[in-house]
Amino acid sequence: MPVVLLIAGSGPTDRDGNNTMAGTNNSLKMLSEALVKRGIAVLRYDKRGIAASAKAMVSESDLRFETYIDDALGFIRLLQTEGKYTSITVVGHSEGSLIGMIAAQKAGVQGFVSLAGAGFPAGQILRKQLGKQLPPTVMQECEKLLSELEAGKTTSTTPPMMLASLFRPSVQPYMISWLRYDPREEIKRLNCPALILQGMTDIQISVEDAQSLAAANPKASMILVNGMNHVLKAVSSDMKEQVASYSNPMLPVVPALVDGIAKFVLELPKR
């Protein structure tokens, strides 16, 4: 049978799709179980520092974006050496999309799925998000800090209190490693079939992101799922419904999501 490597998103998110800050929704667990019912094996894992992988965490100052890429690559290599799967597809959710597409390039897999993945560089996204929240004077400081990090330089400038958690010295090396990647450039480098899948009521990643990825890789297929939010549930754009869905393990994942991924995986050429 074919196999999918399912990579979770940013923050303290485990292999089930649950985040200690947002709640339990079991989104990735449900997606995995649904794919298994379609005859597709699934490997998912807790990333470093999370749940069963907590002891594998390195110090914050030593962590790099490439650490997560190398971990995903290691799991792909494991599947390749087992040799019993007809095809290997990497499915990356949210931040896992960028991690997965880089690992997929390095490993040479049969397929890649970007699931609610960002379509713009992290610096551009941060500027857009923070610009809506910060006073102009603080945003000027933020812009200075971001520009230095994008240039590959750590900064000794003490960030304003409201930016301290984002720009603290120990996390700056990780930020530098993350900011250098542009998902539009990375998806261009894929030499396997790709699917871009995006929910239309996602309040974290927009349809514009999916369209940006699709424009960068015209060979990729794109599916926009009506009524699906960032945790893969059928939810309207109402903010109360959105917030509640992040901690509702009883709400199922959208069937069209499962249909789209299963069809893509099952139609891939064999290894």
Protein backbone atom coordinates (compact mmCIF):
# COMPACT_ATOMS: atom_id res chain seq x y z
CA MET A 1 0.00 0.00 0.00
CA PRO A 2 1.06 3.66 -0.29
CA VAL A 3 2.19 5.55 2.80
CA VAL A 4 1.83 9.16 3.94
CA LEU A 5 4.24 10.96 6.28
CA LEU A 6 2.09 13.48 8.14
CA ILE A 7 3.94 16.50 9.57
CA ALA A 8 2.27 18.73 12.19
CA GLY A 9 2.35 22.52 12.28
CA SER A 10 4.04 25.15 14.43
CA GLY A 11 4.17 25.55 18.18
CA PRO A 12 3.53 22.79 20.72
CA THR A 13 1.46 20.71 18.31
CA ASP A 14 1.60 16.93 18.64
CA ARG A 15 1.08 14.14 16.12
CA ASP A 16 -2.69 14.18 16.77
CA GLY A 17 -2.90 17.86 15.81
CA ASN A 18 -3.43 18.98 19.39
CA ASN A 19 -1.76 22.08 20.78
CA THR A 20 -1.25 22.68 24.50
CA MET A 21 -2.02 26.38 23.99
CA ALA A 22 -5.13 25.95 21.82
CA GLY A 23 -6.66 22.67 22.95
CA THR A 24 -7.50 19.15 21.83
CA ASN A 25 -9.13 18.75 18.42
CA ASN A 26 -7.57 15.47 17.15
CA SER A 27 -7.51 16.84 13.58
CA LEU A 28 -4.42 14.95 12.40
CA LYS A 29 -5.45 11.79 14.22
CA MET A 30 -8.83 11.87 12.46
CA LEU A 31 -7.23 12.55 9.09
CA SER A 32 -4.83 9.67 9.63
CA GLU A 33 -7.57 7.22 10.60
CA ALA A 34 -9.66 8.25 7.60
CA LEU A 35 -6.75 7.69 5.19
CA VAL A 36 -6.05 4.27 6.70
CA LYS A 37 -9.65 3.30 5.94
CA ARG A 38 -8.90 4.18 2.29
CA GLY A 39 -5.97 1.74 2.19
CA ILE A 40 -3.22 4.31 2.86
CA ALA A 41 -0.69 3.77 5.63
CA VAL A 42 0.19 6.83 7.73
CA LEU A 43 3.26 7.67 9.80
CA ARG A 44 2.96 10.66 12.11
CA TYR A 45 5.27 11.75 14.90
CA ASP A 46 5.58 14.19 17.79
CA LYS A 47 8.17 16.74 16.82
CA ARG A 48 11.15 17.48 19.02
CA GLY A 49 10.19 18.85 22.42
CA ILE A 50 6.56 17.75 22.17
CA ALA A 51 4.70 14.90 23.91
CA ALA A 52 6.54 11.57 23.44
CA SER A 53 9.47 13.39 21.76
CA ALA A 54 9.96 15.84 24.65
CA LYS A 55 13.32 14.37 25.65
CA ALA A 56 14.71 14.82 22.12
CA MET A 57 14.56 18.62 22.40
CA VAL A 58 17.80 20.56 22.04
CA SER A 59 18.37 23.88 23.81
CA GLU A 60 16.48 26.82 22.34
CA SER A 61 19.70 28.53 21.31
CA ASP A 62 20.79 25.43 19.36
CA LEU A 63 17.47 24.84 17.61
CA ARG A 64 17.26 25.62 13.89
CA PHE A 65 14.52 25.29 11.28
CA GLU A 66 16.78 22.73 9.62
CA THR A 67 16.49 20.57 12.77
CA TYR A 68 12.84 19.94 11.92
CA ILE A 69 13.68 19.41 8.24
CA ASP A 70 16.31 16.81 9.14
CA ASP A 71 13.87 15.02 11.44
CA ALA A 72 11.28 14.78 8.66
CA LEU A 73 13.98 13.61 6.27
CA GLY A 74 14.96 10.90 8.72
CA PHE A 75 11.42 9.53 8.80
CA ILE A 76 11.26 9.56 4.98
CA ARG A 77 14.53 7.62 4.84
CA LEU A 78 13.08 5.11 7.30
CA LEU A 79 10.06 4.54 5.05
CA GLN A 80 12.30 4.23 2.00
CA THR A 81 14.54 1.62 3.62
CA GLU A 82 11.55 -0.47 4.68
CA GLY A 83 10.82 -0.86 0.98
CA LYS A 84 7.29 -2.24 1.36
CA TYR A 85 5.34 0.84 0.28
CA THR A 86 4.20 1.46 -3.29
CA SER A 87 4.67 5.21 -2.91
CA ILE A 88 5.67 7.76 -0.26
CA THR A 89 3.80 11.06 0.05
CA VAL A 90 4.73 13.86 2.44
CA VAL A 91 1.73 15.78 3.81
CA GLY A 92 2.72 18.90 5.74
CA HIS A 93 0.15 20.87 7.71
CA SER A 94 0.68 24.60 8.34
CA GLU A 95 4.39 25.11 9.16
CA GLY A 96 4.81 21.42 8.38
CA SER A 97 4.16 22.32 4.75
CA LEU A 98 7.45 24.22 4.39
CA ILE A 99 9.32 21.61 6.44
CA GLY A 100 7.83 18.84 4.31
CA MET A 101 8.46 20.39 0.91
CA ILE A 102 12.16 20.88 1.69
CA ALA A 103 12.51 17.34 3.08
CA ALA A 104 10.64 15.99 0.05
CA GLN A 105 13.14 17.69 -2.29
CA LYS A 106 16.08 16.14 -0.48
CA ALA A 107 14.64 12.63 -0.22
CA GLY A 108 12.98 12.14 -3.60
CA VAL A 109 9.44 11.05 -2.73
CA GLN A 110 6.53 10.25 -5.03
CA GLY A 111 4.19 13.02 -3.90
CA PHE A 112 3.81 16.11 -1.72
CA VAL A 113 0.73 17.76 -0.20
CA SER A 114 0.74 21.27 1.25
CA LEU A 115 -2.13 21.34 3.73
CA ALA A 116 -2.94 24.90 4.86
CA GLY A 117 0.65 25.90 4.16
CA ALA A 118 1.92 29.48 4.01
CA GLY A 119 2.51 30.87 0.54
CA PHE A 120 4.78 33.76 1.51
CA PRO A 121 8.08 34.14 3.42
CA ALA A 122 7.81 34.26 7.20
CA GLY A 123 9.10 37.83 7.35
CA GLN A 124 6.33 39.04 5.07
CA ILE A 125 3.70 37.19 7.10
CA LEU A 126 5.02 38.51 10.42
CA ARG A 127 5.01 42.08 9.15
CA LYS A 128 1.42 41.74 8.00
CA GLN A 129 0.23 40.18 11.26
CA LEU A 130 2.16 42.43 13.62
CA GLY A 131 1.31 45.55 11.65
CA LYS A 132 -2.33 45.03 12.58
CA GLN A 133 -1.57 44.66 16.28
CA LEU A 134 1.30 47.00 17.15
CA PRO A 135 1.46 50.79 17.57
CA PRO A 136 3.46 52.48 14.76
CA THR A 137 6.46 53.25 17.00
CA VAL A 138 6.72 49.63 18.16
CA MET A 139 6.27 48.41 14.59
CA GLN A 140 9.28 50.50 13.58
CA GLU A 141 11.37 48.66 16.15
CA CYS A 142 9.95 45.38 14.92
CA GLU A 143 10.88 46.21 11.33
CA LYS A 144 14.45 47.00 12.38
CA LEU A 145 14.76 43.71 14.25
CA LEU A 146 13.27 41.68 11.41
CA SER A 147 15.55 43.28 8.85
CA GLU A 148 18.63 42.44 10.90
CA LEU A 149 17.53 38.83 11.33
CA GLU A 150 16.75 38.52 7.61
CA ALA A 151 20.29 39.70 6.94
CA GLY A 152 21.51 36.79 9.05
CA LYS A 153 22.58 38.91 12.03
CA THR A 154 21.61 38.46 15.64
CA THR A 155 20.85 41.72 17.39
CA SER A 156 21.83 42.98 20.80
CA THR A 157 19.08 45.61 20.69
CA THR A 158 16.69 45.03 23.58
CA PRO A 159 13.24 44.58 22.04
CA PRO A 160 10.22 46.39 23.50
CA MET A 161 8.38 44.37 26.15
CA MET A 162 5.60 43.30 23.79
CA LEU A 163 8.16 41.91 21.32
CA ALA A 164 10.47 40.25 23.85
CA SER A 165 8.99 36.76 23.47
CA LEU A 166 9.36 36.87 19.68
CA PHE A 167 12.85 38.37 19.50
CA ARG A 168 14.54 37.12 22.68
CA PRO A 169 18.27 36.43 22.09
CA SER A 170 18.00 32.64 22.53
CA VAL A 171 15.44 32.31 19.72
CA GLN A 172 17.15 34.62 17.23
CA PRO A 173 19.32 31.90 15.61
CA TYR A 174 16.16 29.87 14.94
CA MET A 175 14.43 32.95 13.51
CA ILE A 176 17.37 33.58 11.17
CA SER A 177 17.25 29.99 9.91
CA TRP A 178 13.47 30.16 9.38
CA LEU A 179 13.33 33.58 7.73
CA ARG A 180 15.71 32.57 4.93
CA TYR A 181 13.15 30.22 3.34
CA ASP A 182 10.55 31.30 0.78
CA PRO A 183 7.87 28.63 0.26
CA ARG A 184 7.32 29.86 -3.31
CA GLU A 185 10.94 29.10 -4.16
CA GLU A 186 10.89 25.76 -2.35
CA ILE A 187 7.76 24.47 -4.05
CA LYS A 188 9.35 25.30 -7.41
CA ARG A 189 12.16 22.89 -6.60
CA LEU A 190 9.92 19.88 -6.10
CA ASN A 191 10.40 17.23 -8.76
CA CYS A 192 7.34 15.17 -7.78
CA PRO A 193 3.57 15.70 -8.19
CA ALA A 194 2.23 18.23 -5.69
CA LEU A 195 -1.20 19.06 -4.29
CA ILE A 196 -2.04 22.36 -2.60
CA LEU A 197 -5.04 21.98 -0.31
CA GLN A 198 -6.58 24.95 1.49
CA GLY A 199 -9.70 25.58 3.55
CA MET A 200 -11.79 28.62 2.67
CA THR A 201 -12.71 29.55 6.26
CA ASP A 202 -9.13 29.26 7.56
CA ILE A 203 -8.41 32.31 9.75
CA GLN A 204 -4.65 31.62 9.92
CA ILE A 205 -3.72 30.80 6.32
CA SER A 206 -5.66 32.29 3.42
CA VAL A 207 -6.70 31.23 -0.07
CA GLU A 208 -4.19 33.83 -1.24
CA ASP A 209 -1.42 31.68 0.25
CA ALA A 210 -2.59 28.65 -1.71
CA GLN A 211 -2.81 30.70 -4.89
CA SER A 212 0.71 32.01 -4.30
CA LEU A 213 2.06 28.45 -4.05
CA ALA A 214 0.10 27.37 -7.11
CA ALA A 215 1.47 30.29 -9.14
CA ALA A 216 5.01 29.30 -8.15
CA ASN A 217 4.48 25.69 -9.25
CA PRO A 218 1.99 25.61 -12.16
CA LYS A 219 2.26 21.81 -12.33
CA ALA A 220 0.77 21.48 -8.85
CA SER A 221 -2.92 20.75 -8.38
CA MET A 222 -4.98 22.94 -6.05
CA ILE A 223 -8.12 22.13 -4.07
CA LEU A 224 -10.01 24.80 -2.14
CA VAL A 225 -12.28 23.20 0.46
CA ASN A 226 -15.42 25.19 1.14
CA GLY A 227 -16.12 25.68 4.84
CA MET A 228 -12.89 24.12 6.16
CA ASN A 229 -10.81 25.99 8.74
CA HIS A 230 -7.18 25.67 9.86
CA VAL A 231 -7.78 22.63 12.08
CA LEU A 232 -9.52 20.88 9.17
CA LYS A 233 -13.04 21.15 10.60
CA ALA A 234 -16.26 22.39 8.96
CA VAL A 235 -16.65 25.80 10.58
CA SER A 236 -17.99 29.17 9.43
CA SER A 237 -15.96 32.37 9.64
CA ASP A 238 -17.65 33.28 12.92
CA MET A 239 -14.86 33.82 15.44
CA LYS A 240 -16.64 32.07 18.31
CA GLU A 241 -17.13 28.96 16.18
CA GLN A 242 -13.53 29.12 15.02
CA VAL A 243 -12.09 29.32 18.53
CA ALA A 244 -14.37 26.55 19.80
CA SER A 245 -13.32 24.19 17.00
CA TYR A 246 -9.66 24.26 18.09
CA SER A 247 -10.61 22.42 21.29
CA ASN A 248 -13.46 20.21 20.04
CA PRO A 249 -12.34 16.61 19.44
CA MET A 250 -15.90 15.57 18.61
CA LEU A 251 -16.08 17.70 15.44
CA PRO A 252 -14.99 15.53 12.46
CA VAL A 253 -12.55 16.58 9.77
CA VAL A 254 -14.11 17.66 6.49
CA PRO A 255 -14.76 14.64 4.19
CA ALA A 256 -13.68 16.58 1.09
CA LEU A 257 -10.22 16.91 2.66
CA VAL A 258 -9.89 13.14 2.99
CA ASP A 259 -11.26 12.62 -0.53
CA GLY A 260 -8.76 15.04 -2.03
CA ILE A 261 -5.68 13.58 -0.35
CA ALA A 262 -6.74 9.96 -0.87
CA LYS A 263 -7.40 10.47 -4.59
CA PHE A 264 -4.04 12.21 -5.05
CA VAL A 265 -2.08 9.52 -3.18
CA LEU A 266 -3.81 6.53 -4.75
CA GLU A 267 -3.21 7.86 -8.28
CA LEU A 268 0.54 8.39 -7.84
CA PRO A 269 2.89 6.21 -9.88
CA LYS A 270 4.52 3.41 -7.92
CA ARG A 271 8.12 3.59 -6.71
